[in-house]
């Protein structure tokens, strides 16, 4: 979770042109809530500017929504991802979560790591997992597949770079499962998850 000027960032909405808007909270500040315009600089560091400060959380959540919508109307850009602590969940399908078994991208360390007592069925029995991790920002498809992680089906959709249509969660899960099976050469046992269709 990012902290800027003492405000913990609870949510960021990023747009296809690299700009975005964020909501932060600083409980002891005179105005405990803020929305900022934001962007990632050339070093990948999130920069914040043009703050709107307030004392009412609901009003500031509406301010965040209004700022995003106004910007989209002006520049005709799509939302590529929403970021919030614990928003993106990934299951460890091949081993318990331990040192060296999960990705730690810059500025996106896991928010939570949970190991189960044993490998158990998850997501209605769609597949088996040893545990799960949650992240503020989505992992790349390659990062997830390199560590044989499968995304949870209720993760928010992430638009592909280049303006393509978003991959549905079922597509992401199928692609990750395909890569995981190819990596370990396990073609003998196949368990189909329910077909959720296009979203």
N, C-alpha and C. Protein backbone atom coordinates (compact mmCIF):
# COMPACT_ATOMS: atom_id res chain seq x y z
N UNK A 1 0.86 -1.19 0.00
CA UNK A 1 0.00 0.00 0.00
C UNK A 1 0.89 1.24 0.00
N UNK A 2 0.65 2.14 -0.93
CA UNK A 2 1.41 3.39 -1.01
C UNK A 2 1.01 4.34 0.13
N UNK A 3 1.97 5.17 0.54
CA UNK A 3 1.68 6.26 1.49
C UNK A 3 2.23 7.53 0.87
N UNK A 4 1.41 8.56 0.80
CA UNK A 4 1.84 9.84 0.26
C UNK A 4 1.44 10.95 1.23
N UNK A 5 2.42 11.74 1.68
CA UNK A 5 2.19 12.84 2.63
C UNK A 5 1.43 12.35 3.86
N UNK A 6 1.71 11.11 4.29
CA UNK A 6 1.04 10.55 5.47
C UNK A 6 -0.29 9.90 5.18
N UNK A 7 -0.80 10.02 3.95
CA UNK A 7 -2.08 9.43 3.57
C UNK A 7 -1.85 8.04 2.98
N UNK A 8 -2.52 7.03 3.54
CA UNK A 8 -2.46 5.67 2.99
C UNK A 8 -3.42 5.59 1.80
N UNK A 9 -2.92 5.10 0.69
CA UNK A 9 -3.75 5.00 -0.51
C UNK A 9 -4.65 3.76 -0.42
N UNK A 10 -5.95 4.00 -0.43
CA UNK A 10 -6.92 2.90 -0.33
C UNK A 10 -7.36 2.40 -1.69
N UNK A 11 -7.28 3.25 -2.70
CA UNK A 11 -7.77 2.86 -4.02
C UNK A 11 -7.14 3.75 -5.07
N UNK A 12 -6.80 3.16 -6.22
CA UNK A 12 -6.32 3.93 -7.36
C UNK A 12 -6.98 3.38 -8.62
N UNK A 13 -7.41 4.27 -9.49
CA UNK A 13 -8.02 3.89 -10.77
C UNK A 13 -7.08 4.39 -11.86
N UNK A 14 -6.49 3.45 -12.61
CA UNK A 14 -5.50 3.80 -13.62
C UNK A 14 -6.11 3.69 -15.02
N UNK A 15 -5.76 4.66 -15.88
CA UNK A 15 -6.33 4.76 -17.22
C UNK A 15 -5.29 4.39 -18.27
N UNK A 16 -5.78 4.17 -19.50
CA UNK A 16 -4.90 3.61 -20.53
C UNK A 16 -3.78 4.56 -20.96
N UNK A 17 -3.87 5.84 -20.64
CA UNK A 17 -2.79 6.77 -21.01
C UNK A 17 -1.75 6.92 -19.90
N UNK A 18 -1.84 6.07 -18.88
CA UNK A 18 -0.85 6.10 -17.80
C UNK A 18 -1.19 7.04 -16.65
N UNK A 19 -2.28 7.79 -16.79
CA UNK A 19 -2.72 8.67 -15.71
C UNK A 19 -3.78 7.95 -14.87
N UNK A 20 -4.09 8.54 -13.71
CA UNK A 20 -5.10 7.93 -12.87
C UNK A 20 -5.49 8.84 -11.73
N UNK A 21 -6.34 8.31 -10.84
CA UNK A 21 -6.80 9.06 -9.68
C UNK A 21 -6.82 8.12 -8.48
N UNK A 22 -6.51 8.65 -7.30
CA UNK A 22 -6.37 7.82 -6.10
C UNK A 22 -7.10 8.44 -4.92
N UNK A 23 -7.50 7.57 -4.01
CA UNK A 23 -8.16 7.98 -2.76
C UNK A 23 -7.27 7.57 -1.59
N UNK A 24 -6.98 8.54 -0.69
CA UNK A 24 -6.14 8.25 0.46
C UNK A 24 -6.79 8.68 1.76
N UNK A 25 -6.25 8.12 2.87
CA UNK A 25 -6.77 8.45 4.20
C UNK A 25 -5.62 8.66 5.18
N UNK A 26 -5.76 9.72 6.00
CA UNK A 26 -4.81 10.03 7.08
C UNK A 26 -5.68 10.38 8.30
N UNK A 27 -5.95 9.38 9.18
CA UNK A 27 -6.95 9.56 10.25
C UNK A 27 -6.72 10.76 11.16
N UNK A 28 -5.46 11.19 11.35
CA UNK A 28 -5.22 12.29 12.30
C UNK A 28 -5.08 13.65 11.62
N UNK A 29 -5.20 13.69 10.30
CA UNK A 29 -5.10 14.98 9.59
C UNK A 29 -6.40 15.77 9.75
N UNK A 30 -6.34 17.12 9.67
CA UNK A 30 -7.56 17.93 9.76
C UNK A 30 -8.58 17.54 8.69
N UNK A 31 -8.10 17.26 7.47
CA UNK A 31 -8.95 16.71 6.42
C UNK A 31 -8.46 15.29 6.19
N UNK A 32 -9.15 14.28 6.77
CA UNK A 32 -8.58 12.92 6.78
C UNK A 32 -8.64 12.18 5.44
N UNK A 33 -9.36 12.72 4.46
CA UNK A 33 -9.48 12.03 3.17
C UNK A 33 -9.02 12.94 2.04
N UNK A 34 -8.48 12.31 0.99
CA UNK A 34 -8.00 13.08 -0.16
C UNK A 34 -8.17 12.25 -1.43
N UNK A 35 -8.41 12.95 -2.54
CA UNK A 35 -8.26 12.32 -3.85
C UNK A 35 -7.17 13.08 -4.59
N UNK A 36 -6.32 12.34 -5.31
CA UNK A 36 -5.25 12.93 -6.08
C UNK A 36 -5.31 12.44 -7.52
N UNK A 37 -4.84 13.27 -8.44
CA UNK A 37 -4.46 12.79 -9.76
C UNK A 37 -3.11 12.09 -9.57
N UNK A 38 -2.83 11.05 -10.35
CA UNK A 38 -1.57 10.33 -10.17
C UNK A 38 -1.06 9.76 -11.48
N UNK A 39 0.21 9.37 -11.47
CA UNK A 39 0.84 8.72 -12.62
C UNK A 39 2.10 8.04 -12.11
N UNK A 40 2.62 7.09 -12.89
CA UNK A 40 3.88 6.43 -12.56
C UNK A 40 4.99 7.09 -13.35
N UNK A 41 6.06 7.51 -12.66
CA UNK A 41 7.17 8.17 -13.36
C UNK A 41 8.05 7.14 -14.07
N UNK A 42 9.14 7.63 -14.68
CA UNK A 42 10.00 6.76 -15.50
C UNK A 42 10.67 5.66 -14.66
N UNK A 43 10.73 5.84 -13.33
CA UNK A 43 11.31 4.81 -12.46
C UNK A 43 10.24 3.88 -11.89
N UNK A 44 8.98 4.07 -12.32
CA UNK A 44 7.90 3.23 -11.82
C UNK A 44 7.35 3.67 -10.48
N UNK A 45 7.78 4.85 -10.00
CA UNK A 45 7.28 5.37 -8.73
C UNK A 45 5.98 6.14 -8.96
N UNK A 46 5.01 5.89 -8.13
CA UNK A 46 3.73 6.59 -8.24
C UNK A 46 3.88 8.01 -7.73
N UNK A 47 3.46 8.99 -8.54
CA UNK A 47 3.50 10.40 -8.18
C UNK A 47 2.07 10.92 -8.04
N UNK A 48 1.85 11.79 -7.07
CA UNK A 48 0.51 12.30 -6.78
C UNK A 48 0.50 13.82 -6.87
N UNK A 49 -0.60 14.38 -7.39
CA UNK A 49 -0.72 15.83 -7.54
C UNK A 49 -2.19 16.24 -7.55
N UNK A 50 -2.43 17.55 -7.45
CA UNK A 50 -3.78 18.11 -7.55
C UNK A 50 -4.75 17.47 -6.55
N UNK A 51 -4.44 17.62 -5.25
CA UNK A 51 -5.27 17.02 -4.22
C UNK A 51 -6.57 17.76 -3.96
N UNK A 52 -7.63 16.98 -3.75
CA UNK A 52 -8.92 17.49 -3.24
C UNK A 52 -9.06 16.88 -1.84
N UNK A 53 -9.18 17.70 -0.82
CA UNK A 53 -9.22 17.22 0.56
C UNK A 53 -10.63 17.35 1.13
N UNK A 54 -10.98 16.43 2.05
CA UNK A 54 -12.30 16.48 2.65
C UNK A 54 -12.38 15.70 3.94
N UNK A 55 -13.52 15.83 4.63
CA UNK A 55 -13.71 15.17 5.93
C UNK A 55 -14.72 14.03 5.86
N UNK A 56 -15.40 13.86 4.74
CA UNK A 56 -16.44 12.85 4.62
C UNK A 56 -16.01 11.79 3.61
N UNK A 57 -15.91 10.53 4.05
CA UNK A 57 -15.42 9.46 3.17
C UNK A 57 -16.33 9.25 1.97
N UNK A 58 -17.64 9.21 2.20
CA UNK A 58 -18.58 8.97 1.08
C UNK A 58 -18.46 10.08 0.04
N UNK A 59 -18.33 11.32 0.51
CA UNK A 59 -18.19 12.45 -0.43
C UNK A 59 -16.89 12.33 -1.23
N UNK A 60 -15.82 11.89 -0.59
CA UNK A 60 -14.54 11.77 -1.28
C UNK A 60 -14.52 10.56 -2.23
N UNK A 61 -15.25 9.51 -1.89
CA UNK A 61 -15.38 8.38 -2.82
C UNK A 61 -16.12 8.84 -4.07
N UNK A 62 -17.14 9.67 -3.89
CA UNK A 62 -17.86 10.24 -5.03
C UNK A 62 -16.96 11.17 -5.83
N UNK A 63 -16.10 11.93 -5.13
CA UNK A 63 -15.16 12.83 -5.81
C UNK A 63 -14.21 12.02 -6.69
N UNK A 64 -13.73 10.89 -6.18
CA UNK A 64 -12.85 10.02 -6.97
C UNK A 64 -13.58 9.54 -8.23
N UNK A 65 -14.78 9.07 -8.05
CA UNK A 65 -15.58 8.59 -9.19
C UNK A 65 -15.82 9.72 -10.20
N UNK A 66 -16.17 10.90 -9.71
CA UNK A 66 -16.43 12.05 -10.60
C UNK A 66 -15.17 12.46 -11.37
N UNK A 67 -14.03 12.47 -10.68
CA UNK A 67 -12.78 12.86 -11.34
C UNK A 67 -12.43 11.88 -12.46
N UNK A 68 -12.60 10.60 -12.19
CA UNK A 68 -12.31 9.59 -13.22
C UNK A 68 -13.26 9.78 -14.41
N UNK A 69 -14.55 9.90 -14.12
CA UNK A 69 -15.53 10.03 -15.21
C UNK A 69 -15.32 11.31 -16.01
N UNK A 70 -15.04 12.42 -15.35
CA UNK A 70 -14.78 13.68 -16.06
C UNK A 70 -13.57 13.55 -16.97
N UNK A 71 -12.52 12.92 -16.47
CA UNK A 71 -11.29 12.74 -17.25
C UNK A 71 -11.56 11.84 -18.46
N UNK A 72 -12.35 10.79 -18.23
CA UNK A 72 -12.68 9.88 -19.33
C UNK A 72 -13.51 10.60 -20.41
N UNK A 73 -14.43 11.45 -19.98
CA UNK A 73 -15.25 12.19 -20.95
C UNK A 73 -14.39 13.14 -21.78
N UNK A 74 -13.42 13.78 -21.13
CA UNK A 74 -12.56 14.74 -21.84
C UNK A 74 -11.59 14.07 -22.81
N UNK A 75 -10.98 12.96 -22.37
CA UNK A 75 -9.91 12.36 -23.16
C UNK A 75 -10.26 11.02 -23.81
N UNK A 76 -11.47 10.52 -23.55
CA UNK A 76 -11.93 9.27 -24.17
C UNK A 76 -10.95 8.12 -23.92
N UNK A 77 -10.58 7.91 -22.67
CA UNK A 77 -9.66 6.84 -22.31
C UNK A 77 -10.38 5.82 -21.42
N UNK A 78 -9.95 4.57 -21.52
CA UNK A 78 -10.56 3.49 -20.75
C UNK A 78 -9.80 3.28 -19.44
N UNK A 79 -10.51 2.72 -18.46
CA UNK A 79 -9.87 2.28 -17.22
C UNK A 79 -9.16 0.97 -17.54
N UNK A 80 -7.86 0.88 -17.19
CA UNK A 80 -7.13 -0.36 -17.43
C UNK A 80 -7.06 -1.23 -16.19
N UNK A 81 -7.02 -0.61 -15.01
CA UNK A 81 -7.06 -1.42 -13.79
C UNK A 81 -7.43 -0.57 -12.60
N UNK A 82 -8.01 -1.25 -11.61
CA UNK A 82 -8.31 -0.65 -10.32
C UNK A 82 -7.36 -1.30 -9.32
N UNK A 83 -6.78 -0.51 -8.44
CA UNK A 83 -5.82 -1.02 -7.46
C UNK A 83 -6.35 -0.73 -6.06
N UNK A 84 -6.25 -1.73 -5.20
CA UNK A 84 -6.59 -1.55 -3.79
C UNK A 84 -5.95 -2.69 -3.02
N UNK A 85 -5.55 -2.47 -1.77
CA UNK A 85 -4.92 -3.54 -1.00
C UNK A 85 -5.79 -4.79 -0.97
N UNK A 86 -5.19 -5.93 -1.31
CA UNK A 86 -5.89 -7.22 -1.25
C UNK A 86 -6.89 -7.45 -2.36
N UNK A 87 -6.92 -6.59 -3.37
CA UNK A 87 -7.96 -6.70 -4.41
C UNK A 87 -7.71 -7.85 -5.37
N UNK A 88 -6.43 -8.20 -5.61
CA UNK A 88 -6.09 -9.24 -6.59
C UNK A 88 -5.59 -10.48 -5.85
N UNK A 89 -6.34 -11.56 -5.99
CA UNK A 89 -6.06 -12.80 -5.25
C UNK A 89 -5.54 -13.86 -6.22
N UNK A 90 -4.48 -14.57 -5.80
CA UNK A 90 -3.87 -15.63 -6.62
C UNK A 90 -3.66 -16.86 -5.75
N UNK A 91 -3.99 -18.03 -6.32
CA UNK A 91 -3.82 -19.29 -5.61
C UNK A 91 -2.50 -19.95 -5.97
N UNK A 92 -1.81 -20.49 -4.96
CA UNK A 92 -0.60 -21.27 -5.19
C UNK A 92 -1.02 -22.72 -5.39
N UNK A 93 -0.89 -23.20 -6.62
CA UNK A 93 -1.48 -24.50 -6.98
C UNK A 93 -0.52 -25.68 -6.80
N UNK A 94 0.79 -25.43 -6.74
CA UNK A 94 1.74 -26.54 -6.74
C UNK A 94 2.52 -26.73 -5.44
N UNK A 95 2.49 -25.73 -4.55
CA UNK A 95 3.31 -25.83 -3.34
C UNK A 95 2.79 -24.82 -2.31
N UNK A 96 3.07 -25.06 -1.02
CA UNK A 96 2.76 -24.03 -0.02
C UNK A 96 3.54 -22.74 -0.33
N UNK A 97 2.99 -21.63 0.08
CA UNK A 97 3.64 -20.34 -0.17
C UNK A 97 4.80 -20.19 0.81
N UNK A 98 6.00 -19.98 0.25
CA UNK A 98 7.20 -19.85 1.07
C UNK A 98 8.19 -18.94 0.34
N UNK A 99 9.35 -18.70 0.92
CA UNK A 99 10.36 -17.85 0.30
C UNK A 99 10.70 -18.39 -1.08
N UNK A 100 10.69 -17.51 -2.07
CA UNK A 100 11.05 -17.89 -3.43
C UNK A 100 9.95 -18.57 -4.23
N UNK A 101 8.73 -18.65 -3.67
CA UNK A 101 7.64 -19.34 -4.38
C UNK A 101 6.59 -18.39 -4.94
N UNK A 102 6.85 -17.08 -4.86
CA UNK A 102 5.86 -16.12 -5.35
C UNK A 102 6.57 -14.87 -5.85
N UNK A 103 5.95 -14.15 -6.80
CA UNK A 103 6.59 -12.94 -7.33
C UNK A 103 6.47 -11.76 -6.37
N UNK A 104 7.49 -10.90 -6.39
CA UNK A 104 7.49 -9.66 -5.61
C UNK A 104 7.86 -8.52 -6.54
N UNK A 105 6.92 -8.11 -7.41
CA UNK A 105 7.24 -7.02 -8.34
C UNK A 105 7.54 -5.73 -7.58
N UNK A 106 8.34 -4.84 -8.18
CA UNK A 106 8.62 -3.56 -7.53
C UNK A 106 7.32 -2.81 -7.20
N UNK A 107 7.24 -2.29 -5.99
CA UNK A 107 6.08 -1.51 -5.54
C UNK A 107 4.79 -2.33 -5.54
N UNK A 108 4.89 -3.67 -5.44
CA UNK A 108 3.68 -4.50 -5.40
C UNK A 108 3.97 -5.79 -4.64
N UNK A 109 4.48 -5.65 -3.41
CA UNK A 109 4.68 -6.83 -2.56
C UNK A 109 3.32 -7.37 -2.14
N UNK A 110 3.21 -8.66 -1.83
CA UNK A 110 1.90 -9.19 -1.42
C UNK A 110 1.36 -8.48 -0.19
N UNK A 111 0.05 -8.24 -0.18
CA UNK A 111 -0.61 -7.64 0.98
C UNK A 111 -0.88 -8.70 2.05
N UNK A 112 -1.08 -9.96 1.59
CA UNK A 112 -1.46 -11.04 2.51
C UNK A 112 -0.95 -12.35 1.92
N UNK A 113 -0.46 -13.23 2.78
CA UNK A 113 -0.05 -14.58 2.38
C UNK A 113 -0.75 -15.55 3.31
N UNK A 114 -1.49 -16.50 2.76
CA UNK A 114 -2.23 -17.48 3.57
C UNK A 114 -1.90 -18.88 3.07
N UNK A 115 -1.39 -19.73 3.95
CA UNK A 115 -1.18 -21.14 3.65
C UNK A 115 -2.30 -21.96 4.28
N UNK A 116 -2.80 -22.95 3.54
CA UNK A 116 -3.81 -23.86 4.07
C UNK A 116 -3.10 -25.03 4.76
N UNK A 117 -3.82 -25.81 5.56
CA UNK A 117 -3.22 -26.95 6.25
C UNK A 117 -2.78 -28.04 5.28
N UNK A 118 -3.44 -28.09 4.13
CA UNK A 118 -3.12 -29.07 3.10
C UNK A 118 -3.61 -28.53 1.77
N UNK A 119 -3.36 -29.25 0.69
CA UNK A 119 -3.85 -28.84 -0.63
C UNK A 119 -5.35 -29.11 -0.67
N UNK A 120 -6.14 -28.07 -0.88
CA UNK A 120 -7.60 -28.22 -0.80
C UNK A 120 -8.26 -27.70 -2.07
N UNK A 121 -9.50 -28.18 -2.36
CA UNK A 121 -10.25 -27.63 -3.49
C UNK A 121 -10.67 -26.20 -3.19
N UNK A 122 -10.55 -25.32 -4.18
CA UNK A 122 -10.95 -23.92 -4.03
C UNK A 122 -11.84 -23.53 -5.19
N UNK A 123 -12.51 -22.40 -5.04
CA UNK A 123 -13.40 -21.86 -6.07
C UNK A 123 -14.40 -22.91 -6.54
N UNK A 124 -15.09 -23.49 -5.56
CA UNK A 124 -16.14 -24.48 -5.89
C UNK A 124 -15.58 -25.76 -6.47
N UNK A 125 -14.33 -26.09 -6.13
CA UNK A 125 -13.73 -27.32 -6.63
C UNK A 125 -13.12 -27.19 -8.01
N UNK A 126 -12.94 -25.96 -8.50
CA UNK A 126 -12.39 -25.76 -9.85
C UNK A 126 -10.96 -26.30 -9.95
N UNK A 127 -10.18 -26.14 -8.87
CA UNK A 127 -8.81 -26.66 -8.85
C UNK A 127 -8.36 -26.73 -7.40
N UNK A 128 -7.17 -27.34 -7.19
CA UNK A 128 -6.62 -27.50 -5.85
C UNK A 128 -5.55 -26.44 -5.60
N UNK A 129 -5.42 -25.99 -4.35
CA UNK A 129 -4.41 -24.99 -4.01
C UNK A 129 -3.87 -25.25 -2.62
N UNK A 130 -2.60 -24.86 -2.42
CA UNK A 130 -1.94 -24.96 -1.13
C UNK A 130 -2.13 -23.70 -0.29
N UNK A 131 -2.50 -22.59 -0.94
CA UNK A 131 -2.66 -21.33 -0.23
C UNK A 131 -2.96 -20.23 -1.23
N UNK A 132 -3.02 -19.00 -0.74
CA UNK A 132 -3.25 -17.88 -1.66
C UNK A 132 -2.50 -16.64 -1.18
N UNK A 133 -2.33 -15.71 -2.13
CA UNK A 133 -1.73 -14.41 -1.85
C UNK A 133 -2.66 -13.35 -2.41
N UNK A 134 -2.61 -12.16 -1.81
CA UNK A 134 -3.35 -11.04 -2.38
C UNK A 134 -2.38 -9.89 -2.65
N UNK A 135 -2.68 -9.16 -3.72
CA UNK A 135 -1.84 -8.04 -4.16
C UNK A 135 -2.71 -6.80 -4.37
N UNK A 136 -2.09 -5.62 -4.24
CA UNK A 136 -2.77 -4.36 -4.52
C UNK A 136 -2.96 -4.17 -6.02
N UNK A 137 -1.93 -4.54 -6.80
CA UNK A 137 -1.98 -4.40 -8.26
C UNK A 137 -1.98 -5.80 -8.87
N UNK A 138 -2.53 -5.95 -10.07
CA UNK A 138 -2.55 -7.27 -10.69
C UNK A 138 -1.14 -7.71 -11.09
N UNK A 139 -0.90 -9.01 -11.05
CA UNK A 139 0.34 -9.57 -11.57
C UNK A 139 0.24 -9.70 -13.08
N UNK A 140 1.37 -9.67 -13.76
CA UNK A 140 1.34 -9.96 -15.19
C UNK A 140 1.05 -11.44 -15.37
N UNK A 141 0.53 -11.79 -16.54
CA UNK A 141 0.24 -13.20 -16.83
C UNK A 141 1.50 -14.04 -16.69
N UNK A 142 2.64 -13.51 -17.15
CA UNK A 142 3.91 -14.25 -17.07
C UNK A 142 4.34 -14.46 -15.63
N UNK A 143 4.22 -13.40 -14.80
CA UNK A 143 4.63 -13.52 -13.39
C UNK A 143 3.80 -14.59 -12.69
N UNK A 144 2.50 -14.61 -12.94
CA UNK A 144 1.63 -15.61 -12.32
C UNK A 144 1.99 -17.01 -12.80
N UNK A 145 2.18 -17.18 -14.12
CA UNK A 145 2.46 -18.52 -14.65
C UNK A 145 3.84 -19.01 -14.25
N UNK A 146 4.83 -18.10 -14.14
CA UNK A 146 6.18 -18.51 -13.72
C UNK A 146 6.16 -19.16 -12.34
N UNK A 147 5.26 -18.74 -11.48
CA UNK A 147 5.15 -19.30 -10.13
C UNK A 147 3.94 -20.22 -9.98
N UNK A 148 3.31 -20.57 -11.09
CA UNK A 148 2.15 -21.48 -11.11
C UNK A 148 1.04 -20.99 -10.18
N UNK A 149 0.77 -19.70 -10.28
CA UNK A 149 -0.34 -19.10 -9.53
C UNK A 149 -1.53 -18.95 -10.45
N UNK A 150 -2.72 -19.21 -9.93
CA UNK A 150 -3.95 -19.01 -10.71
C UNK A 150 -4.75 -17.87 -10.10
N UNK A 151 -5.25 -16.93 -10.92
CA UNK A 151 -6.04 -15.81 -10.39
C UNK A 151 -7.41 -16.27 -9.92
N UNK A 152 -7.91 -15.64 -8.88
CA UNK A 152 -9.28 -15.92 -8.42
C UNK A 152 -10.27 -15.40 -9.46
N UNK A 153 -11.37 -16.11 -9.67
CA UNK A 153 -12.32 -15.70 -10.72
C UNK A 153 -12.99 -14.36 -10.47
N UNK A 154 -13.02 -13.88 -9.21
CA UNK A 154 -13.67 -12.59 -8.97
C UNK A 154 -12.66 -11.43 -8.94
N UNK A 155 -11.41 -11.67 -9.36
CA UNK A 155 -10.48 -10.55 -9.53
C UNK A 155 -11.04 -9.58 -10.56
N UNK A 156 -10.79 -8.28 -10.40
CA UNK A 156 -11.25 -7.32 -11.42
C UNK A 156 -10.57 -7.61 -12.76
N UNK A 157 -11.28 -7.29 -13.84
CA UNK A 157 -10.70 -7.45 -15.17
C UNK A 157 -9.59 -6.43 -15.37
N UNK A 158 -8.56 -6.84 -16.11
CA UNK A 158 -7.44 -5.96 -16.43
C UNK A 158 -7.36 -5.86 -17.95
N UNK A 159 -7.41 -4.63 -18.47
CA UNK A 159 -7.33 -4.43 -19.92
C UNK A 159 -5.93 -4.74 -20.40
N UNK A 160 -5.85 -5.40 -21.57
CA UNK A 160 -4.56 -5.68 -22.18
C UNK A 160 -3.93 -4.39 -22.68
N UNK A 161 -2.60 -4.34 -22.68
CA UNK A 161 -1.91 -3.17 -23.22
C UNK A 161 -2.18 -3.09 -24.71
N UNK A 162 -2.21 -1.89 -25.25
CA UNK A 162 -2.45 -1.72 -26.68
C UNK A 162 -3.93 -1.57 -26.99
N UNK A 163 -4.76 -1.44 -25.96
CA UNK A 163 -6.17 -1.16 -26.21
C UNK A 163 -7.03 -2.36 -26.54
N UNK A 164 -6.49 -3.59 -26.34
CA UNK A 164 -7.28 -4.78 -26.63
C UNK A 164 -8.38 -4.96 -25.60
N UNK A 165 -9.29 -5.89 -25.92
CA UNK A 165 -10.36 -6.20 -24.97
C UNK A 165 -9.77 -6.85 -23.73
N UNK A 166 -10.42 -6.67 -22.58
CA UNK A 166 -9.87 -7.29 -21.38
C UNK A 166 -10.00 -8.80 -21.45
N UNK A 167 -9.03 -9.51 -20.85
CA UNK A 167 -9.17 -10.94 -20.68
C UNK A 167 -10.17 -11.17 -19.57
N UNK A 168 -11.16 -12.05 -19.80
CA UNK A 168 -12.08 -12.38 -18.71
C UNK A 168 -11.30 -13.22 -17.71
N UNK A 169 -11.81 -13.29 -16.48
CA UNK A 169 -11.12 -14.07 -15.46
C UNK A 169 -11.07 -15.54 -15.87
N UNK A 170 -12.15 -16.05 -16.48
CA UNK A 170 -12.11 -17.45 -16.90
C UNK A 170 -11.03 -17.66 -17.96
N UNK A 171 -10.83 -16.69 -18.86
CA UNK A 171 -9.76 -16.79 -19.85
C UNK A 171 -8.40 -16.77 -19.17
N UNK A 172 -8.23 -15.87 -18.19
CA UNK A 172 -6.95 -15.80 -17.46
C UNK A 172 -6.67 -17.12 -16.76
N UNK A 173 -7.70 -17.71 -16.13
CA UNK A 173 -7.52 -18.97 -15.41
C UNK A 173 -7.17 -20.10 -16.38
N UNK A 174 -7.85 -20.15 -17.53
CA UNK A 174 -7.57 -21.19 -18.52
C UNK A 174 -6.15 -21.07 -19.05
N UNK A 175 -5.74 -19.81 -19.34
CA UNK A 175 -4.38 -19.60 -19.86
C UNK A 175 -3.34 -19.99 -18.80
N UNK A 176 -3.56 -19.57 -17.56
CA UNK A 176 -2.60 -19.89 -16.49
C UNK A 176 -2.55 -21.40 -16.24
N UNK A 177 -3.73 -22.06 -16.27
CA UNK A 177 -3.77 -23.51 -16.06
C UNK A 177 -3.05 -24.24 -17.19
N UNK A 178 -3.25 -23.75 -18.42
CA UNK A 178 -2.59 -24.36 -19.58
C UNK A 178 -1.08 -24.26 -19.44
N UNK A 179 -0.59 -23.07 -19.05
CA UNK A 179 0.85 -22.87 -18.89
C UNK A 179 1.40 -23.72 -17.75
N UNK A 180 0.65 -23.81 -16.64
CA UNK A 180 1.10 -24.60 -15.49
C UNK A 180 1.20 -26.08 -15.88
N UNK A 181 0.20 -26.59 -16.61
CA UNK A 181 0.22 -28.00 -17.03
C UNK A 181 1.36 -28.26 -17.99
N UNK A 182 1.58 -27.32 -18.91
CA UNK A 182 2.67 -27.50 -19.88
C UNK A 182 4.02 -27.51 -19.17
N UNK A 183 4.17 -26.65 -18.14
CA UNK A 183 5.44 -26.58 -17.41
C UNK A 183 5.75 -27.88 -16.67
N UNK A 184 4.73 -28.49 -16.07
CA UNK A 184 5.01 -29.69 -15.28
C UNK A 184 4.72 -30.97 -16.05
N UNK A 185 4.25 -30.82 -17.31
CA UNK A 185 3.99 -31.99 -18.15
C UNK A 185 2.87 -32.87 -17.65
N UNK A 186 1.94 -32.27 -16.91
CA UNK A 186 0.84 -33.05 -16.35
C UNK A 186 -0.38 -32.94 -17.27
N UNK A 187 -0.52 -33.91 -18.14
CA UNK A 187 -1.68 -33.92 -19.04
C UNK A 187 -2.64 -35.05 -18.69
N UNK A 188 -2.25 -35.84 -17.69
CA UNK A 188 -3.04 -37.02 -17.39
C UNK A 188 -4.33 -36.68 -16.67
N UNK A 189 -4.25 -35.75 -15.71
CA UNK A 189 -5.43 -35.44 -14.90
C UNK A 189 -5.96 -34.06 -15.26
N UNK A 190 -7.19 -34.01 -15.69
CA UNK A 190 -7.78 -32.73 -16.08
C UNK A 190 -9.10 -32.56 -15.36
N UNK A 191 -9.27 -31.41 -14.72
CA UNK A 191 -10.52 -31.11 -14.04
C UNK A 191 -11.03 -29.80 -14.59
N UNK A 192 -12.18 -29.84 -15.22
CA UNK A 192 -12.72 -28.62 -15.84
C UNK A 192 -13.42 -27.77 -14.81
N UNK A 193 -13.19 -26.48 -14.89
CA UNK A 193 -13.93 -25.55 -14.04
C UNK A 193 -15.24 -25.21 -14.76
N UNK A 194 -16.25 -24.77 -14.02
CA UNK A 194 -17.52 -24.42 -14.67
C UNK A 194 -17.28 -23.33 -15.71
N UNK A 195 -17.98 -23.43 -16.82
CA UNK A 195 -17.84 -22.45 -17.89
C UNK A 195 -18.59 -21.21 -17.50
N UNK A 196 -17.86 -20.12 -17.27
CA UNK A 196 -18.50 -18.85 -16.88
C UNK A 196 -18.84 -18.01 -18.09
N UNK A 197 -18.36 -18.42 -19.24
CA UNK A 197 -18.67 -17.68 -20.46
C UNK A 197 -18.02 -16.32 -20.50
N UNK A 198 -18.31 -15.56 -21.52
CA UNK A 198 -17.75 -14.22 -21.65
C UNK A 198 -18.45 -13.29 -20.67
N UNK A 199 -17.67 -12.40 -20.05
CA UNK A 199 -18.28 -11.40 -19.15
C UNK A 199 -18.35 -10.08 -19.84
